[in-house]
Amino acid sequence: MARLIQGHDDEWVLRDEWGIEDIRNVDDGEHDLTDEDCLNIMRVAETAFDANIGLNWESIASAIDFYIDCKDNGTPMFYRGQPIKVTA
C-alpha cells in the first residue's frame, strides 16, 4: 500500500511498504518461509531493485525464486557486502 508521508526536511514522499506477510502472500505457502527467510528475500529484492520497475508482485516472486534456488544449491548470497546467513 502506498502512503504519502512527510519525510526529512518536511519534504513529501510517496512510500510503498512491503512486509513479511506480503512475502508470504506472494509465496502462497509454497516454501513454508520463516521470518528469517522473508527478511532475506526482502534483502534480495532491495539488492535487485530497479527504479524503472519498482517493487511489485513479480519482482517479489523473482526474489523468492532466486533466494530459494541459492538456498537449495548452497550458493552464497550477499547484502551490502555482507554474507546473508541462511539456515537450513
N, C-alpha and C. Protein backbone atom coordinates (compact mmCIF):
# COMPACT_ATOMS: atom_id res chain seq x y z
N MET A 1 0.84 -1.17 0.00
CA MET A 1 0.00 0.00 0.00
C MET A 1 0.89 1.24 0.00
N ALA A 2 0.65 2.12 -0.91
CA ALA A 2 1.43 3.35 -0.99
C ALA A 2 0.89 4.37 0.00
N ARG A 3 1.80 5.12 0.60
CA ARG A 3 1.43 6.15 1.58
C ARG A 3 2.19 7.43 1.29
N LEU A 4 1.49 8.52 1.36
CA LEU A 4 2.10 9.83 1.23
C LEU A 4 2.47 10.30 2.64
N ILE A 5 3.75 10.54 2.87
CA ILE A 5 4.20 10.95 4.20
C ILE A 5 5.13 12.15 4.08
N GLN A 6 5.23 12.86 5.17
CA GLN A 6 6.16 13.98 5.23
C GLN A 6 7.47 13.44 5.75
N GLY A 7 8.50 13.52 4.92
CA GLY A 7 9.80 12.95 5.26
C GLY A 7 10.76 13.97 5.82
N HIS A 8 12.04 13.72 5.59
CA HIS A 8 13.10 14.61 6.07
C HIS A 8 12.95 16.00 5.48
N ASP A 9 13.32 16.98 6.24
CA ASP A 9 13.27 18.38 5.82
C ASP A 9 11.88 18.79 5.32
N ASP A 10 10.84 18.17 5.90
CA ASP A 10 9.46 18.48 5.56
C ASP A 10 9.09 18.23 4.10
N GLU A 11 9.89 17.41 3.41
CA GLU A 11 9.55 17.04 2.03
C GLU A 11 8.50 15.94 2.05
N TRP A 12 7.60 15.98 1.08
CA TRP A 12 6.59 14.93 0.95
C TRP A 12 7.14 13.82 0.07
N VAL A 13 6.95 12.59 0.50
CA VAL A 13 7.41 11.42 -0.26
C VAL A 13 6.29 10.39 -0.33
N LEU A 14 6.31 9.63 -1.40
CA LEU A 14 5.37 8.52 -1.56
C LEU A 14 6.13 7.24 -1.27
N ARG A 15 5.66 6.48 -0.29
CA ARG A 15 6.36 5.28 0.15
C ARG A 15 5.45 4.07 -0.06
N ASP A 16 6.03 3.02 -0.62
CA ASP A 16 5.32 1.76 -0.82
C ASP A 16 6.00 0.72 0.07
N GLU A 17 5.29 0.24 1.07
CA GLU A 17 5.90 -0.65 2.06
C GLU A 17 5.50 -2.10 1.82
N TRP A 18 6.48 -2.99 1.93
CA TRP A 18 6.28 -4.43 1.82
C TRP A 18 6.79 -5.06 3.09
N GLY A 19 6.04 -6.00 3.65
CA GLY A 19 6.44 -6.64 4.89
C GLY A 19 6.50 -8.16 4.75
N ILE A 20 6.79 -8.80 5.85
CA ILE A 20 6.95 -10.26 5.88
C ILE A 20 5.68 -10.96 5.40
N GLU A 21 4.52 -10.48 5.82
CA GLU A 21 3.27 -11.13 5.39
C GLU A 21 3.04 -10.98 3.90
N ASP A 22 3.49 -9.86 3.32
CA ASP A 22 3.39 -9.69 1.87
C ASP A 22 4.24 -10.73 1.15
N ILE A 23 5.42 -11.00 1.67
CA ILE A 23 6.30 -12.02 1.07
C ILE A 23 5.61 -13.38 1.13
N ARG A 24 5.05 -13.70 2.28
CA ARG A 24 4.34 -14.98 2.42
C ARG A 24 3.12 -15.06 1.49
N ASN A 25 2.42 -13.95 1.31
CA ASN A 25 1.27 -13.95 0.40
C ASN A 25 1.69 -14.21 -1.04
N VAL A 26 2.80 -13.63 -1.46
CA VAL A 26 3.29 -13.88 -2.82
C VAL A 26 3.70 -15.35 -2.96
N ASP A 27 4.36 -15.88 -1.95
CA ASP A 27 4.81 -17.28 -1.97
C ASP A 27 3.64 -18.25 -1.91
N ASP A 28 2.54 -17.84 -1.30
CA ASP A 28 1.31 -18.64 -1.21
C ASP A 28 1.55 -20.01 -0.57
N GLY A 29 2.44 -20.04 0.44
CA GLY A 29 2.68 -21.26 1.19
C GLY A 29 3.52 -22.32 0.50
N GLU A 30 4.04 -22.00 -0.66
CA GLU A 30 4.82 -22.99 -1.43
C GLU A 30 6.08 -23.44 -0.73
N HIS A 31 6.73 -22.53 0.02
CA HIS A 31 8.04 -22.85 0.60
C HIS A 31 8.08 -22.84 2.13
N ASP A 32 6.99 -22.63 2.83
CA ASP A 32 6.98 -22.61 4.29
C ASP A 32 8.07 -21.68 4.82
N LEU A 33 8.00 -20.41 4.43
CA LEU A 33 9.05 -19.43 4.73
C LEU A 33 9.04 -19.01 6.20
N THR A 34 10.22 -18.96 6.79
CA THR A 34 10.38 -18.43 8.14
C THR A 34 10.47 -16.91 8.05
N ASP A 35 10.40 -16.24 9.20
CA ASP A 35 10.60 -14.79 9.22
C ASP A 35 11.99 -14.45 8.68
N GLU A 36 13.00 -15.25 9.03
CA GLU A 36 14.36 -15.03 8.55
C GLU A 36 14.42 -15.16 7.02
N ASP A 37 13.74 -16.17 6.47
CA ASP A 37 13.69 -16.33 5.02
C ASP A 37 13.07 -15.09 4.38
N CYS A 38 11.95 -14.62 4.93
CA CYS A 38 11.27 -13.45 4.37
C CYS A 38 12.15 -12.21 4.43
N LEU A 39 12.85 -12.02 5.53
CA LEU A 39 13.76 -10.88 5.64
C LEU A 39 14.87 -10.98 4.60
N ASN A 40 15.41 -12.17 4.41
CA ASN A 40 16.46 -12.36 3.40
C ASN A 40 15.91 -12.13 2.00
N ILE A 41 14.69 -12.54 1.74
CA ILE A 41 14.07 -12.28 0.43
C ILE A 41 13.90 -10.78 0.22
N MET A 42 13.53 -10.05 1.26
CA MET A 42 13.44 -8.59 1.13
C MET A 42 14.81 -7.99 0.85
N ARG A 43 15.86 -8.57 1.42
CA ARG A 43 17.22 -8.10 1.13
C ARG A 43 17.57 -8.35 -0.33
N VAL A 44 17.22 -9.53 -0.84
CA VAL A 44 17.45 -9.84 -2.25
C VAL A 44 16.69 -8.84 -3.13
N ALA A 45 15.43 -8.57 -2.80
CA ALA A 45 14.61 -7.64 -3.59
C ALA A 45 15.21 -6.24 -3.57
N GLU A 46 15.71 -5.81 -2.42
CA GLU A 46 16.34 -4.49 -2.34
C GLU A 46 17.58 -4.42 -3.20
N THR A 47 18.39 -5.48 -3.16
CA THR A 47 19.63 -5.51 -3.93
C THR A 47 19.34 -5.46 -5.43
N ALA A 48 18.26 -6.12 -5.86
CA ALA A 48 17.91 -6.18 -7.28
C ALA A 48 16.99 -5.05 -7.72
N PHE A 49 16.68 -4.12 -6.82
CA PHE A 49 15.70 -3.07 -7.09
C PHE A 49 16.08 -2.26 -8.33
N ASP A 50 15.10 -2.05 -9.19
CA ASP A 50 15.23 -1.22 -10.39
C ASP A 50 14.13 -0.17 -10.32
N ALA A 51 14.50 1.08 -10.23
CA ALA A 51 13.51 2.16 -10.08
C ALA A 51 12.56 2.25 -11.27
N ASN A 52 12.98 1.74 -12.43
CA ASN A 52 12.10 1.75 -13.60
C ASN A 52 10.97 0.73 -13.47
N ILE A 53 11.16 -0.26 -12.63
CA ILE A 53 10.16 -1.31 -12.43
C ILE A 53 9.47 -1.16 -11.08
N GLY A 54 10.26 -0.82 -10.06
CA GLY A 54 9.74 -0.70 -8.70
C GLY A 54 9.59 -2.06 -8.06
N LEU A 55 8.98 -2.08 -6.90
CA LEU A 55 8.66 -3.35 -6.24
C LEU A 55 7.22 -3.70 -6.58
N ASN A 56 7.01 -4.92 -6.99
CA ASN A 56 5.68 -5.38 -7.33
C ASN A 56 5.62 -6.88 -7.10
N TRP A 57 4.45 -7.47 -7.35
CA TRP A 57 4.28 -8.90 -7.09
C TRP A 57 5.30 -9.73 -7.87
N GLU A 58 5.58 -9.36 -9.11
CA GLU A 58 6.53 -10.11 -9.94
C GLU A 58 7.96 -9.99 -9.44
N SER A 59 8.37 -8.80 -9.04
CA SER A 59 9.75 -8.64 -8.55
C SER A 59 9.93 -9.38 -7.23
N ILE A 60 8.89 -9.40 -6.38
CA ILE A 60 8.97 -10.15 -5.13
C ILE A 60 9.03 -11.65 -5.43
N ALA A 61 8.20 -12.12 -6.38
CA ALA A 61 8.22 -13.54 -6.76
C ALA A 61 9.59 -13.94 -7.31
N SER A 62 10.22 -13.07 -8.08
CA SER A 62 11.56 -13.34 -8.61
C SER A 62 12.58 -13.42 -7.48
N ALA A 63 12.45 -12.54 -6.50
CA ALA A 63 13.36 -12.56 -5.35
C ALA A 63 13.19 -13.86 -4.56
N ILE A 64 11.95 -14.31 -4.41
CA ILE A 64 11.69 -15.58 -3.72
C ILE A 64 12.35 -16.72 -4.48
N ASP A 65 12.14 -16.78 -5.80
CA ASP A 65 12.74 -17.85 -6.61
C ASP A 65 14.26 -17.85 -6.51
N PHE A 66 14.87 -16.65 -6.61
CA PHE A 66 16.32 -16.55 -6.53
C PHE A 66 16.82 -17.03 -5.17
N TYR A 67 16.18 -16.57 -4.12
CA TYR A 67 16.58 -16.94 -2.76
C TYR A 67 16.47 -18.45 -2.55
N ILE A 68 15.35 -19.04 -2.94
CA ILE A 68 15.15 -20.48 -2.75
C ILE A 68 16.17 -21.27 -3.56
N ASP A 69 16.44 -20.86 -4.81
CA ASP A 69 17.45 -21.55 -5.62
C ASP A 69 18.81 -21.49 -4.96
N CYS A 70 19.21 -20.32 -4.48
CA CYS A 70 20.52 -20.17 -3.82
C CYS A 70 20.57 -21.00 -2.54
N LYS A 71 19.49 -20.97 -1.77
CA LYS A 71 19.43 -21.72 -0.52
C LYS A 71 19.53 -23.22 -0.79
N ASP A 72 18.80 -23.71 -1.79
CA ASP A 72 18.82 -25.13 -2.12
C ASP A 72 20.17 -25.59 -2.67
N ASN A 73 20.84 -24.71 -3.41
CA ASN A 73 22.12 -25.06 -4.03
C ASN A 73 23.33 -24.70 -3.19
N GLY A 74 23.11 -24.02 -2.06
CA GLY A 74 24.24 -23.61 -1.22
C GLY A 74 25.03 -22.45 -1.82
N THR A 75 24.42 -21.71 -2.75
CA THR A 75 25.09 -20.57 -3.37
C THR A 75 25.13 -19.40 -2.40
N PRO A 76 26.31 -18.84 -2.14
CA PRO A 76 26.38 -17.71 -1.20
C PRO A 76 25.65 -16.48 -1.74
N MET A 77 25.01 -15.75 -0.83
CA MET A 77 24.33 -14.51 -1.18
C MET A 77 24.89 -13.41 -0.28
N PHE A 78 24.88 -12.19 -0.79
CA PHE A 78 25.43 -11.07 -0.05
C PHE A 78 24.44 -9.91 -0.04
N TYR A 79 24.46 -9.15 1.06
CA TYR A 79 23.64 -7.97 1.21
C TYR A 79 24.53 -6.86 1.74
N ARG A 80 24.68 -5.81 0.96
CA ARG A 80 25.54 -4.68 1.33
C ARG A 80 26.94 -5.16 1.71
N GLY A 81 27.45 -6.10 0.93
CA GLY A 81 28.81 -6.59 1.11
C GLY A 81 28.99 -7.64 2.20
N GLN A 82 27.92 -7.95 2.90
CA GLN A 82 28.00 -8.94 3.98
C GLN A 82 27.25 -10.21 3.56
N PRO A 83 27.77 -11.38 3.95
CA PRO A 83 27.06 -12.61 3.60
C PRO A 83 25.70 -12.67 4.26
N ILE A 84 24.73 -13.20 3.54
CA ILE A 84 23.41 -13.44 4.10
C ILE A 84 23.45 -14.80 4.78
N LYS A 85 23.12 -14.82 6.06
CA LYS A 85 23.12 -16.07 6.82
C LYS A 85 21.84 -16.83 6.46
N VAL A 86 22.03 -18.05 5.98
CA VAL A 86 20.90 -18.89 5.60
C VAL A 86 20.96 -20.17 6.42
N THR A 87 19.89 -20.44 7.13
CA THR A 87 19.82 -21.68 7.89
C THR A 87 18.91 -22.65 7.17
N ALA A 88 19.27 -23.92 7.23
CA ALA A 88 18.50 -24.95 6.50
C ALA A 88 17.20 -25.25 7.20
